[in-house]
N, C-alpha and C. Protein backbone atom coordinates (compact mmCIF):
# COMPACT_ATOMS: atom_id res chain seq x y z
N MET A 1 110.53 110.02 122.43
CA MET A 1 109.54 110.65 123.65
C MET A 1 108.40 109.38 123.56
N TRP A 2 108.03 109.34 124.83
CA TRP A 2 106.76 108.10 124.92
C TRP A 2 105.72 108.64 125.26
N ILE A 3 104.22 108.05 124.86
CA ILE A 3 103.38 108.53 125.38
C ILE A 3 102.48 107.54 125.70
N GLU A 4 101.55 107.57 126.96
CA GLU A 4 101.07 106.52 127.27
C GLU A 4 99.41 106.21 126.76
N VAL A 5 99.35 105.02 125.91
CA VAL A 5 98.06 104.96 125.39
C VAL A 5 97.56 103.42 126.13
N SER A 6 96.09 103.64 126.14
CA SER A 6 95.60 102.07 126.75
C SER A 6 95.66 101.27 125.47
N LYS A 7 95.44 99.93 125.67
CA LYS A 7 95.45 99.06 124.49
C LYS A 7 94.46 99.33 123.58
N GLU A 8 93.29 99.59 123.57
CA GLU A 8 92.34 100.03 123.04
C GLU A 8 92.51 101.42 122.08
N GLU A 9 93.01 101.94 122.72
CA GLU A 9 93.80 103.25 121.90
C GLU A 9 94.57 103.01 120.76
N LEU A 10 95.76 102.06 121.19
CA LEU A 10 96.72 101.38 119.96
C LEU A 10 96.35 100.58 119.35
N GLN A 11 95.01 100.13 119.57
CA GLN A 11 94.46 99.21 118.47
C GLN A 11 93.62 100.02 117.11
N HIS A 12 93.14 101.22 117.97
CA HIS A 12 92.70 102.38 116.87
C HIS A 12 93.68 103.16 116.07
N ILE A 13 95.04 103.42 117.05
CA ILE A 13 95.82 104.16 116.37
C ILE A 13 96.47 103.12 115.02
N ILE A 14 96.46 101.60 115.24
CA ILE A 14 97.02 100.65 114.50
C ILE A 14 96.20 100.61 113.09
N VAL A 15 94.72 100.54 113.54
CA VAL A 15 93.45 100.76 112.24
C VAL A 15 94.20 101.96 111.76
N ALA A 16 94.27 103.11 112.01
CA ALA A 16 94.23 103.78 111.29
C ALA A 16 95.56 104.00 110.81
N LEU A 17 96.90 103.73 111.30
CA LEU A 17 97.89 103.44 110.30
C LEU A 17 97.59 103.02 109.21
N GLN A 18 97.13 101.48 109.26
CA GLN A 18 96.67 100.45 108.21
C GLN A 18 95.89 101.11 107.08
N TYR A 19 94.94 101.88 107.75
CA TYR A 19 94.26 102.79 106.93
C TYR A 19 94.53 103.94 105.85
N ASP A 20 95.67 104.57 106.48
CA ASP A 20 96.46 105.35 106.14
C ASP A 20 97.59 104.64 104.90
N ALA A 21 98.12 103.64 105.14
CA ALA A 21 99.07 102.83 104.42
C ALA A 21 98.30 102.42 103.13
N THR A 22 96.86 101.98 103.32
CA THR A 22 96.31 101.20 102.27
C THR A 22 96.22 102.84 101.27
N SER A 23 95.70 103.71 101.66
CA SER A 23 95.40 105.24 100.54
C SER A 23 96.59 105.70 100.55
N ALA A 24 97.55 105.81 101.21
CA ALA A 24 98.65 106.62 100.36
C ALA A 24 99.83 105.84 99.61
N PRO A 25 99.63 105.11 98.99
CA PRO A 25 100.67 104.42 98.43
C PRO A 25 100.51 105.36 96.84
N HIS A 26 99.13 105.72 96.31
CA HIS A 26 99.19 106.55 95.36
C HIS A 26 99.80 108.25 95.37
N LEU A 27 99.86 108.23 96.77
CA LEU A 27 100.18 109.73 97.02
C LEU A 27 101.87 109.82 97.21
N TYR A 28 102.21 109.04 98.02
CA TYR A 28 103.82 108.77 98.24
C TYR A 28 104.05 107.64 98.49
N PRO A 29 104.46 106.37 98.02
CA PRO A 29 104.79 105.22 97.97
C PRO A 29 105.92 105.17 99.63
N PRO A 30 106.90 105.47 99.77
CA PRO A 30 107.74 105.55 100.92
C PRO A 30 106.98 105.74 102.13
N LEU A 31 105.93 106.63 102.22
CA LEU A 31 105.23 106.67 103.49
C LEU A 31 104.42 105.68 103.54
N ALA A 32 103.83 105.10 102.95
CA ALA A 32 102.69 103.79 102.89
C ALA A 32 103.78 102.77 103.49
N GLU A 33 104.68 102.62 102.84
CA GLU A 33 105.71 101.42 103.58
C GLU A 33 106.04 101.78 104.72
N LYS A 34 106.15 102.90 105.43
CA LYS A 34 106.34 103.19 106.55
C LYS A 34 105.46 103.10 107.59
N LEU A 35 104.22 103.55 107.20
CA LEU A 35 103.02 103.31 107.76
C LEU A 35 102.75 102.10 108.05
N ARG A 36 102.91 101.35 107.22
CA ARG A 36 102.61 99.57 107.24
C ARG A 36 103.73 98.90 108.04
N GLU A 37 104.76 99.28 108.25
CA GLU A 37 105.97 98.62 109.14
C GLU A 37 105.44 99.22 110.61
N LEU A 38 105.18 100.40 110.53
CA LEU A 38 105.06 100.95 112.15
C LEU A 38 103.64 100.41 112.49
N ALA A 39 102.58 100.12 111.71
CA ALA A 39 101.53 99.16 112.12
C ALA A 39 101.84 97.72 112.82
N ASP A 40 102.75 97.18 111.98
CA ASP A 40 103.38 95.80 112.19
C ASP A 40 103.81 95.87 113.41
N ARG A 41 104.62 97.05 113.63
CA ARG A 41 105.55 96.78 114.82
C ARG A 41 104.54 97.01 116.17
N LEU A 42 104.01 97.94 116.11
CA LEU A 42 102.69 98.40 117.08
C LEU A 42 102.22 97.06 117.39
N THR A 43 101.62 96.51 116.29
CA THR A 43 100.62 95.28 116.30
C THR A 43 101.40 93.88 117.14
N GLU A 44 102.70 93.89 116.95
CA GLU A 44 103.65 92.74 117.27
C GLU A 44 103.62 93.37 118.92
N ALA A 45 104.16 94.34 119.16
CA ALA A 45 104.22 95.14 120.45
C ALA A 45 102.90 94.86 121.33
N LEU A 46 101.82 94.89 120.84
CA LEU A 46 100.75 94.83 121.52
C LEU A 46 100.43 93.54 121.99
N LYS A 47 100.67 92.58 120.61
CA LYS A 47 100.72 91.12 121.28
C LYS A 47 101.34 90.36 122.11
N LYS A 48 102.58 90.99 122.37
CA LYS A 48 103.32 90.45 123.54
C LYS A 48 103.46 91.33 124.43
N GLY A 49 102.81 91.98 124.43
CA GLY A 49 102.16 93.21 126.08
C GLY A 49 103.30 94.03 126.09
N ARG A 50 104.44 94.40 125.23
CA ARG A 50 105.41 95.48 125.73
C ARG A 50 105.44 96.75 124.88
N LYS A 51 106.12 97.55 125.06
CA LYS A 51 106.63 98.73 124.30
C LYS A 51 107.45 98.48 123.28
N PRO A 52 106.61 98.91 121.95
CA PRO A 52 107.57 98.96 120.77
C PRO A 52 108.94 99.42 120.29
């Protein structure tokens, strides 16, 4: 499923994911890793101007 978001909204989403990834390791390490991976993929897609 795709949702349309602006670049500004995507940047806010990335920041939220990165924050969650830094606070999640003590709660559930595999989730923290997935959040980091997702934030990285979204950041790369944003830099390249394409959908992840």
